[in-house]
Amino acid sequence: MRKFFLFFAVAILFSFSDTSLKKRISDQQFRYEFYTTDKEVFAEPDRYYFWFRGGAIHSSENGIGGELLHSDFLKFYLSNQLAESGKFKNGLKEGYWKTWFPNGVLHSKTYWSDGQMDGSYYGYDETGFMVEEGKFKNHRKHGRWINYISKDTLKYKDGKVVVPKVKPVKDTLQQKKEGNFFKRLFSRKKKEGKEEAAERPAKNKSAKKPVAEKKETPAKADEKPGFFKRIFSKKKKTTTDGKS
């Protein structure tokens, strides 16, 4: 039992060794509740650090000048309405951070990683309607961003708008002329083809088949017309001579 309490006491001691007790401060607009750490940290480039000194919270890029904010952070309006919440890790924002309007409606939700906005972002109006969404990469807008008010969708790369390449389009009038030209050309060819097809059967009907010429068979000597004439004339002559 004593060992258990000893272990528990040591754990509590180590848990508070890096983190101070909760601090509470206020200014003309907000009231703050947060923790700090006395851990010494070497400031990394392109990071936004938050620290406490002289009764106020300070922030800068690539610099540290006091006790670093650490663990849970809460900011309130003077009406005690929550204005912002999130977590720090050695002076750097981590995870989702949320902000609220004075009427208590969610204003924004942003994901932070190692002191930079690096992930999803959602923005809302005072009625709770989503007005914008997108993503950050290394504290810069990146990827597709949608604005539901202007109904625009833009694509970003490293904080800059990506302008899509547009292929050159021919003049509409020129396209119409070319289209009409080809249309007339093909319709003319089609008409000529139909006319040729209609003429073919007409020509075939009107054209007569060539009649084969009859070959004249030479008559035999006995079949000559004068042969029978001479025979009958001889008979007739003989008959006449007998009567006489």
C-alpha atoms as a PDB file:
ATOM      1  CA  MET A   1       0.000   0.000   0.000  1.00  0.00           C
ATOM      2  CA  ARG A   2       2.831   2.365   0.866  1.00  0.00           C
ATOM      3  CA  LYS A   3       4.538   1.534  -2.425  1.00  0.00           C
ATOM      4  CA  PHE A   4       1.358   2.454  -4.290  1.00  0.00           C
ATOM      5  CA  PHE A   5       1.112   5.870  -2.599  1.00  0.00           C
ATOM      6  CA  LEU A   6       4.815   6.469  -3.189  1.00  0.00           C
ATOM      7  CA  PHE A   7       4.438   5.691  -6.899  1.00  0.00           C
ATOM      8  CA  PHE A   8       1.367   7.932  -7.114  1.00  0.00           C
ATOM      9  CA  ALA A   9       3.202  10.824  -5.436  1.00  0.00           C
ATOM     10  CA  VAL A  10       6.166  10.468  -7.799  1.00  0.00           C
ATOM     11  CA  ALA A  11       3.838  10.454 -10.814  1.00  0.00           C
ATOM     12  CA  ILE A  12       2.150  13.654  -9.628  1.00  0.00           C
ATOM     13  CA  LEU A  13       5.518  15.258  -9.005  1.00  0.00           C
ATOM     14  CA  PHE A  14       6.737  14.483 -12.533  1.00  0.00           C
ATOM     15  CA  SER A  15       3.439  15.576 -14.069  1.00  0.00           C
ATOM     16  CA  PHE A  16       3.809  19.067 -12.569  1.00  0.00           C
ATOM     17  CA  SER A  17       7.565  19.309 -13.080  1.00  0.00           C
ATOM     18  CA  ASP A  18       7.190  20.582 -16.665  1.00  0.00           C
ATOM     19  CA  THR A  19       3.779  22.248 -16.375  1.00  0.00           C
ATOM     20  CA  SER A  20       2.920  25.098 -14.025  1.00  0.00           C
ATOM     21  CA  LEU A  21      -0.346  25.621 -12.234  1.00  0.00           C
ATOM     22  CA  LYS A  22      -3.242  27.087 -14.216  1.00  0.00           C
ATOM     23  CA  LYS A  23      -2.829  30.781 -14.892  1.00  0.00           C
ATOM     24  CA  ARG A  24      -5.701  33.248 -15.249  1.00  0.00           C
ATOM     25  CA  ILE A  25      -5.352  36.643 -16.864  1.00  0.00           C
ATOM     26  CA  SER A  26      -7.662  39.106 -18.617  1.00  0.00           C
ATOM     27  CA  ASP A  27      -7.574  42.181 -20.856  1.00  0.00           C
ATOM     28  CA  GLN A  28     -10.165  44.655 -22.155  1.00  0.00           C
ATOM     29  CA  GLN A  29     -11.855  42.054 -24.390  1.00  0.00           C
ATOM     30  CA  PHE A  30     -11.100  38.507 -23.145  1.00  0.00           C
ATOM     31  CA  ARG A  31     -10.285  36.359 -20.197  1.00  0.00           C
ATOM     32  CA  TYR A  32      -7.703  33.513 -20.463  1.00  0.00           C
ATOM     33  CA  GLU A  33      -7.010  30.262 -18.661  1.00  0.00           C
ATOM     34  CA  PHE A  34      -3.871  28.293 -19.567  1.00  0.00           C
ATOM     35  CA  TYR A  35      -0.770  26.436 -18.447  1.00  0.00           C
ATOM     36  CA  THR A  36       2.914  27.058 -19.102  1.00  0.00           C
ATOM     37  CA  THR A  37       6.087  25.007 -19.063  1.00  0.00           C
ATOM     38  CA  ASP A  38       9.626  25.925 -18.134  1.00  0.00           C
ATOM     39  CA  LYS A  39      11.010  23.421 -20.616  1.00  0.00           C
ATOM     40  CA  GLU A  40      13.727  24.874 -22.812  1.00  0.00           C
ATOM     41  CA  VAL A  41      12.991  24.447 -26.499  1.00  0.00           C
ATOM     42  CA  PHE A  42      15.062  25.375 -29.521  1.00  0.00           C
ATOM     43  CA  ALA A  43      12.804  27.404 -31.849  1.00  0.00           C
ATOM     44  CA  GLU A  44      12.321  25.766 -35.239  1.00  0.00           C
ATOM     45  CA  PRO A  45      11.843  27.808 -38.429  1.00  0.00           C
ATOM     46  CA  ASP A  46       8.352  28.443 -39.833  1.00  0.00           C
ATOM     47  CA  ARG A  47       6.671  27.717 -36.515  1.00  0.00           C
ATOM     48  CA  TYR A  48       4.347  29.968 -34.494  1.00  0.00           C
ATOM     49  CA  TYR A  49       5.261  29.935 -30.792  1.00  0.00           C
ATOM     50  CA  PHE A  50       3.123  31.245 -27.895  1.00  0.00           C
ATOM     51  CA  TRP A  51       4.567  32.208 -24.520  1.00  0.00           C
ATOM     52  CA  PHE A  52       3.687  34.074 -21.337  1.00  0.00           C
ATOM     53  CA  ARG A  53       5.621  37.001 -19.950  1.00  0.00           C
ATOM     54  CA  GLY A  54       4.826  40.208 -18.080  1.00  0.00           C
ATOM     55  CA  GLY A  55       1.229  39.245 -17.398  1.00  0.00           C
ATOM     56  CA  ALA A  56       0.356  38.796 -21.103  1.00  0.00           C
ATOM     57  CA  ILE A  57       0.425  36.164 -23.855  1.00  0.00           C
ATOM     58  CA  HIS A  58       2.803  36.785 -26.734  1.00  0.00           C
ATOM     59  CA  SER A  59       3.278  35.084 -30.070  1.00  0.00           C
ATOM     60  CA  SER A  60       5.913  35.196 -32.792  1.00  0.00           C
ATOM     61  CA  GLU A  61       7.357  33.142 -35.620  1.00  0.00           C
ATOM     62  CA  ASN A  62      10.748  31.501 -35.042  1.00  0.00           C
ATOM     63  CA  GLY A  63      11.202  33.048 -31.579  1.00  0.00           C
ATOM     64  CA  ILE A  64      10.621  32.478 -27.852  1.00  0.00           C
ATOM     65  CA  GLY A  65      10.706  35.098 -25.124  1.00  0.00           C
ATOM     66  CA  GLY A  66       9.132  33.627 -21.988  1.00  0.00           C
ATOM     67  CA  GLU A  67       7.311  30.630 -20.493  1.00  0.00           C
ATOM     68  CA  LEU A  68       5.892  28.488 -23.276  1.00  0.00           C
ATOM     69  CA  LEU A  69       2.179  27.749 -23.229  1.00  0.00           C
ATOM     70  CA  HIS A  70       1.508  24.079 -22.712  1.00  0.00           C
ATOM     71  CA  SER A  71      -1.559  21.785 -22.446  1.00  0.00           C
ATOM     72  CA  ASP A  72      -5.170  23.078 -22.383  1.00  0.00           C
ATOM     73  CA  PHE A  73      -5.966  26.643 -23.377  1.00  0.00           C
ATOM     74  CA  LEU A  74      -9.280  28.505 -22.948  1.00  0.00           C
ATOM     75  CA  LYS A  75     -10.242  32.045 -23.983  1.00  0.00           C
ATOM     76  CA  PHE A  76     -13.538  33.645 -22.902  1.00  0.00           C
ATOM     77  CA  TYR A  77     -15.483  36.742 -23.780  1.00  0.00           C
ATOM     78  CA  LEU A  78     -16.081  39.031 -20.818  1.00  0.00           C
ATOM     79  CA  SER A  79     -19.603  37.599 -20.797  1.00  0.00           C
ATOM     80  CA  ASN A  80     -17.994  34.233 -19.906  1.00  0.00           C
ATOM     81  CA  GLN A  81     -18.977  32.852 -23.332  1.00  0.00           C
ATOM     82  CA  LEU A  82     -16.214  30.606 -24.677  1.00  0.00           C
ATOM     83  CA  ALA A  83     -14.307  32.320 -27.537  1.00  0.00           C
ATOM     84  CA  GLU A  84     -11.468  29.863 -28.302  1.00  0.00           C
ATOM     85  CA  SER A  85     -10.150  26.513 -27.129  1.00  0.00           C
ATOM     86  CA  GLY A  86      -7.339  24.139 -28.000  1.00  0.00           C
ATOM     87  CA  LYS A  87      -4.098  22.596 -26.807  1.00  0.00           C
ATOM     88  CA  PHE A  88      -0.466  23.655 -26.833  1.00  0.00           C
ATOM     89  CA  LYS A  89       2.608  21.469 -26.855  1.00  0.00           C
ATOM     90  CA  ASN A  90       5.730  23.330 -25.788  1.00  0.00           C
ATOM     91  CA  GLY A  91       4.414  26.606 -27.158  1.00  0.00           C
ATOM     92  CA  LEU A  92       3.005  25.164 -30.400  1.00  0.00           C
ATOM     93  CA  LYS A  93      -0.660  24.614 -31.258  1.00  0.00           C
ATOM     94  CA  GLU A  94      -1.645  20.974 -31.748  1.00  0.00           C
ATOM     95  CA  GLY A  95      -4.832  19.278 -32.955  1.00  0.00           C
ATOM     96  CA  TYR A  96      -8.181  20.936 -33.617  1.00  0.00           C
ATOM     97  CA  TRP A  97      -8.640  24.507 -32.466  1.00  0.00           C
ATOM     98  CA  LYS A  98     -12.115  26.035 -32.332  1.00  0.00           C
ATOM     99  CA  THR A  99     -13.410  29.602 -32.135  1.00  0.00           C
ATOM    100  CA  TRP A 100     -16.919  30.874 -31.321  1.00  0.00           C
ATOM    101  CA  PHE A 101     -18.970  34.009 -31.956  1.00  0.00           C
ATOM    102  CA  PRO A 102     -20.152  36.028 -28.904  1.00  0.00           C
ATOM    103  CA  ASN A 103     -23.584  34.410 -29.334  1.00  0.00           C
ATOM    104  CA  GLY A 104     -22.046  30.962 -28.784  1.00  0.00           C
ATOM    105  CA  VAL A 105     -22.217  29.781 -32.419  1.00  0.00           C
ATOM    106  CA  LEU A 106     -19.150  27.998 -33.768  1.00  0.00           C
ATOM    107  CA  HIS A 107     -17.043  30.347 -35.901  1.00  0.00           C
ATOM    108  CA  SER A 108     -14.187  28.151 -37.151  1.00  0.00           C
ATOM    109  CA  LYS A 109     -12.479  24.802 -36.734  1.00  0.00           C
ATOM    110  CA  THR A 110      -8.848  24.451 -37.786  1.00  0.00           C
ATOM    111  CA  TYR A 111      -6.389  21.599 -37.502  1.00  0.00           C
ATOM    112  CA  TRP A 112      -2.862  22.425 -36.328  1.00  0.00           C
ATOM    113  CA  SER A 113       0.237  20.252 -36.429  1.00  0.00           C
ATOM    114  CA  ASP A 114       3.550  21.204 -34.847  1.00  0.00           C
ATOM    115  CA  GLY A 115       2.714  24.906 -34.773  1.00  0.00           C
ATOM    116  CA  GLN A 116       1.318  25.149 -38.309  1.00  0.00           C
ATOM    117  CA  MET A 117      -2.132  24.971 -39.829  1.00  0.00           C
ATOM    118  CA  ASP A 118      -1.869  21.638 -41.563  1.00  0.00           C
ATOM    119  CA  GLY A 119      -5.195  20.002 -42.301  1.00  0.00           C
ATOM    120  CA  SER A 120      -8.908  20.699 -42.571  1.00  0.00           C
ATOM    121  CA  TYR A 121     -10.497  24.105 -42.061  1.00  0.00           C
ATOM    122  CA  TYR A 122     -14.210  24.930 -41.649  1.00  0.00           C
ATOM    123  CA  GLY A 123     -15.666  28.431 -41.404  1.00  0.00           C
ATOM    124  CA  TYR A 124     -19.232  29.364 -40.325  1.00  0.00           C
ATOM    125  CA  ASP A 125     -21.377  32.482 -40.081  1.00  0.00           C
ATOM    126  CA  GLU A 126     -23.233  33.688 -36.968  1.00  0.00           C
ATOM    127  CA  THR A 127     -26.208  31.491 -37.794  1.00  0.00           C
ATOM    128  CA  GLY A 128     -24.081  28.338 -37.936  1.00  0.00           C
ATOM    129  CA  PHE A 129     -24.172  28.056 -41.723  1.00  0.00           C
ATOM    130  CA  MET A 130     -20.910  26.832 -43.259  1.00  0.00           C
ATOM    131  CA  VAL A 131     -19.468  29.553 -45.480  1.00  0.00           C
ATOM    132  CA  GLU A 132     -16.075  28.088 -46.391  1.00  0.00           C
ATOM    133  CA  GLU A 133     -14.075  24.898 -46.215  1.00  0.00           C
ATOM    134  CA  GLY A 134     -10.690  23.739 -47.411  1.00  0.00           C
ATOM    135  CA  LYS A 135      -7.306  22.480 -46.284  1.00  0.00           C
ATOM    136  CA  PHE A 136      -3.971  23.922 -45.220  1.00  0.00           C
ATOM    137  CA  LYS A 137      -0.523  22.508 -45.846  1.00  0.00           C
ATOM    138  CA  ASN A 138       2.414  23.963 -43.942  1.00  0.00           C
ATOM    139  CA  HIS A 139       0.314  27.007 -42.961  1.00  0.00           C
ATOM    140  CA  ARG A 140      -0.714  27.698 -46.578  1.00  0.00           C
ATOM    141  CA  LYS A 141      -3.922  27.014 -48.447  1.00  0.00           C
ATOM    142  CA  HIS A 142      -3.588  23.848 -50.463  1.00  0.00           C
ATOM    143  CA  GLY A 143      -6.019  21.859 -52.579  1.00  0.00           C
ATOM    144  CA  ARG A 144      -9.667  22.667 -53.224  1.00  0.00           C
ATOM    145  CA  TRP A 145     -11.350  25.522 -51.326  1.00  0.00           C
ATOM    146  CA  ILE A 146     -15.103  26.077 -51.524  1.00  0.00           C
ATOM    147  CA  ASN A 147     -16.838  29.370 -50.736  1.00  0.00           C
ATOM    148  CA  TYR A 148     -20.541  28.732 -50.219  1.00  0.00           C
ATOM    149  CA  ILE A 149     -21.425  32.436 -50.206  1.00  0.00           C
ATOM    150  CA  SER A 150     -19.922  33.374 -53.557  1.00  0.00           C
ATOM    151  CA  LYS A 151     -20.384  29.784 -54.790  1.00  0.00           C
ATOM    152  CA  ASP A 152     -16.796  29.676 -55.992  1.00  0.00           C
ATOM    153  CA  THR A 153     -14.403  26.750 -55.961  1.00  0.00           C
ATOM    154  CA  LEU A 154     -10.702  27.488 -56.209  1.00  0.00           C
ATOM    155  CA  LYS A 155      -7.702  25.214 -56.278  1.00  0.00           C
ATOM    156  CA  TYR A 156      -4.593  26.234 -54.340  1.00  0.00           C
ATOM    157  CA  LYS A 157      -1.014  25.038 -54.349  1.00  0.00           C
ATOM    158  CA  ASP A 158       1.302  26.273 -51.586  1.00  0.00           C
ATOM    159  CA  GLY A 159      -0.980  29.256 -50.949  1.00  0.00           C
ATOM    160  CA  LYS A 160      -1.336  30.321 -54.579  1.00  0.00           C
ATOM    161  CA  VAL A 161      -4.385  29.939 -56.795  1.00  0.00           C
ATOM    162  CA  VAL A 162      -3.896  27.402 -59.570  1.00  0.00           C
ATOM    163  CA  VAL A 163      -5.199  28.775 -62.864  1.00  0.00           C
ATOM    164  CA  PRO A 164      -6.403  25.909 -65.101  1.00  0.00           C
ATOM    165  CA  LYS A 165      -4.975  25.806 -68.598  1.00  0.00           C
ATOM    166  CA  VAL A 166      -7.615  26.466 -71.221  1.00  0.00           C
ATOM    167  CA  LYS A 167      -7.221  25.052 -74.707  1.00  0.00           C
ATOM    168  CA  PRO A 168      -7.551  27.657 -77.464  1.00  0.00           C
ATOM    169  CA  VAL A 169     -11.033  27.623 -78.980  1.00  0.00           C
ATOM    170  CA  LYS A 170     -11.691  28.588 -82.586  1.00  0.00           C
ATOM    171  CA  ASP A 171     -13.910  31.510 -83.355  1.00  0.00           C
ATOM    172  CA  THR A 172     -17.561  30.489 -83.229  1.00  0.00           C
ATOM    173  CA  LEU A 173     -18.330  32.174 -86.534  1.00  0.00           C
ATOM    174  CA  GLN A 174     -15.401  30.426 -88.198  1.00  0.00           C
ATOM    175  CA  GLN A 175     -16.540  27.068 -86.801  1.00  0.00           C
ATOM    176  CA  LYS A 176     -20.041  27.735 -88.125  1.00  0.00           C
ATOM    177  CA  LYS A 177     -18.697  28.531 -91.591  1.00  0.00           C
ATOM    178  CA  GLU A 178     -16.551  25.409 -91.638  1.00  0.00           C
ATOM    179  CA  GLY A 179     -19.461  23.336 -90.405  1.00  0.00           C
ATOM    180  CA  ASN A 180     -21.755  24.698 -93.116  1.00  0.00           C
ATOM    181  CA  PHE A 181     -19.100  24.059 -95.786  1.00  0.00           C
ATOM    182  CA  PHE A 182     -18.661  20.414 -94.850  1.00  0.00           C
ATOM    183  CA  LYS A 183     -22.408  20.019 -94.474  1.00  0.00           C
ATOM    184  CA  ARG A 184     -22.991  21.359 -97.986  1.00  0.00           C
ATOM    185  CA  LEU A 185     -20.165  19.220 -99.354  1.00  0.00           C
ATOM    186  CA  PHE A 186     -21.481  15.968 -97.899  1.00  0.00           C
ATOM    187  CA  SER A 187     -25.099  16.776 -98.794  1.00  0.00           C
ATOM    188  CA  ARG A 188     -24.025  17.453-102.392  1.00  0.00           C
ATOM    189  CA  LYS A 189     -22.155  14.156-102.579  1.00  0.00           C
ATOM    190  CA  LYS A 190     -25.126  12.365-101.087  1.00  0.00           C
ATOM    191  CA  LYS A 191     -27.475  13.971-103.624  1.00  0.00           C
ATOM    192  CA  GLU A 192     -25.201  13.058-106.523  1.00  0.00           C
ATOM    193  CA  GLY A 193     -25.031   9.469-105.278  1.00  0.00           C
ATOM    194  CA  LYS A 194     -28.820   9.250-105.142  1.00  0.00           C
ATOM    195  CA  GLU A 195     -29.154  10.677-108.660  1.00  0.00           C
ATOM    196  CA  GLU A 196     -26.645   8.178-110.044  1.00  0.00           C
ATOM    197  CA  ALA A 197     -28.478   5.317-108.331  1.00  0.00           C
ATOM    198  CA  ALA A 198     -31.790   6.522-109.811  1.00  0.00           C
ATOM    199  CA  GLU A 199     -30.358   6.786-113.339  1.00  0.00           C
ATOM    200  CA  ARG A 200     -28.903   3.278-113.472  1.00  0.00           C
ATOM    201  CA  PRO A 201     -32.175   1.265-113.593  1.00  0.00           C
ATOM    202  CA  ALA A 202     -33.727   3.731-116.071  1.00  0.00           C
ATOM    203  CA  LYS A 203     -30.855   3.215-118.480  1.00  0.00           C
ATOM    204  CA  ASN A 204     -31.110  -0.544-118.134  1.00  0.00           C
ATOM    205  CA  LYS A 205     -34.847  -0.511-118.934  1.00  0.00           C
ATOM    206  CA  SER A 206     -34.565   1.763-121.976  1.00  0.00           C
ATOM    207  CA  ALA A 207     -31.609  -0.034-123.453  1.00  0.00           C
ATOM    208  CA  LYS A 208     -32.625  -2.898-125.757  1.00  0.00           C
ATOM    209  CA  LYS A 209     -30.712  -6.076-125.876  1.00  0.00           C
ATOM    210  CA  PRO A 210     -28.741  -6.405-129.101  1.00  0.00           C
ATOM    211  CA  VAL A 211     -30.451  -8.853-131.461  1.00  0.00           C
ATOM    212  CA  ALA A 212     -28.150 -11.458-132.868  1.00  0.00           C
ATOM    213  CA  GLU A 213     -27.923 -11.259-136.616  1.00  0.00           C
ATOM    214  CA  LYS A 214     -29.313 -14.280-138.417  1.00  0.00           C
ATOM    215  CA  LYS A 215     -26.770 -15.964-140.503  1.00  0.00           C
ATOM    216  CA  GLU A 216     -27.982 -16.677-143.983  1.00  0.00           C
ATOM    217  CA  THR A 217     -27.522 -20.298-144.746  1.00  0.00           C
ATOM    218  CA  PRO A 218     -26.407 -20.736-148.309  1.00  0.00           C
ATOM    219  CA  ALA A 219     -29.063 -22.612-150.282  1.00  0.00           C
ATOM    220  CA  LYS A 220     -28.188 -25.892-151.939  1.00  0.00           C
ATOM    221  CA  ALA A 221     -28.010 -26.102-155.643  1.00  0.00           C
ATOM    222  CA  ASP A 222     -31.131 -28.253-155.814  1.00  0.00           C
ATOM    223  CA  GLU A 223     -33.009 -25.870-153.605  1.00  0.00           C
ATOM    224  CA  LYS A 224     -32.602 -22.884-155.889  1.00  0.00           C
ATOM    225  CA  PRO A 225     -35.932 -21.349-156.939  1.00  0.00           C
ATOM    226  CA  GLY A 226     -35.110 -21.781-160.670  1.00  0.00           C
ATOM    227  CA  PHE A 227     -34.724 -25.509-160.347  1.00  0.00           C
ATOM    228  CA  PHE A 228     -38.434 -26.210-159.610  1.00  0.00           C
ATOM    229  CA  LYS A 229     -39.467 -23.652-162.181  1.00  0.00           C
ATOM    230  CA  ARG A 230     -37.507 -25.421-164.910  1.00  0.00           C
ATOM    231  CA  ILE A 231     -38.880 -28.851-163.948  1.00  0.00           C
ATOM    232  CA  PHE A 232     -42.538 -27.718-164.142  1.00  0.00           C
ATOM    233  CA  SER A 233     -41.933 -25.788-167.317  1.00  0.00           C
ATOM    234  CA  LYS A 234     -40.423 -28.919-168.953  1.00  0.00           C
ATOM    235  CA  LYS A 235     -43.406 -31.030-167.849  1.00  0.00           C
ATOM    236  CA  LYS A 236     -45.790 -28.504-169.123  1.00  0.00           C
ATOM    237  CA  LYS A 237     -44.000 -28.312-172.443  1.00  0.00           C
ATOM    238  CA  THR A 238     -43.985 -32.142-172.837  1.00  0.00           C
ATOM    239  CA  THR A 239     -47.713 -32.302-172.137  1.00  0.00           C
ATOM    240  CA  THR A 240     -48.429 -29.669-174.652  1.00  0.00           C
ATOM    241  CA  ASP A 241     -46.303 -31.450-177.285  1.00  0.00           C
ATOM    242  CA  GLY A 242     -48.160 -34.782-176.745  1.00  0.00           C
ATOM    243  CA  LYS A 243     -51.556 -33.215-177.270  1.00  0.00           C
ATOM    244  CA  SER A 244     -50.541 -31.776-180.451  1.00  0.00           C
END
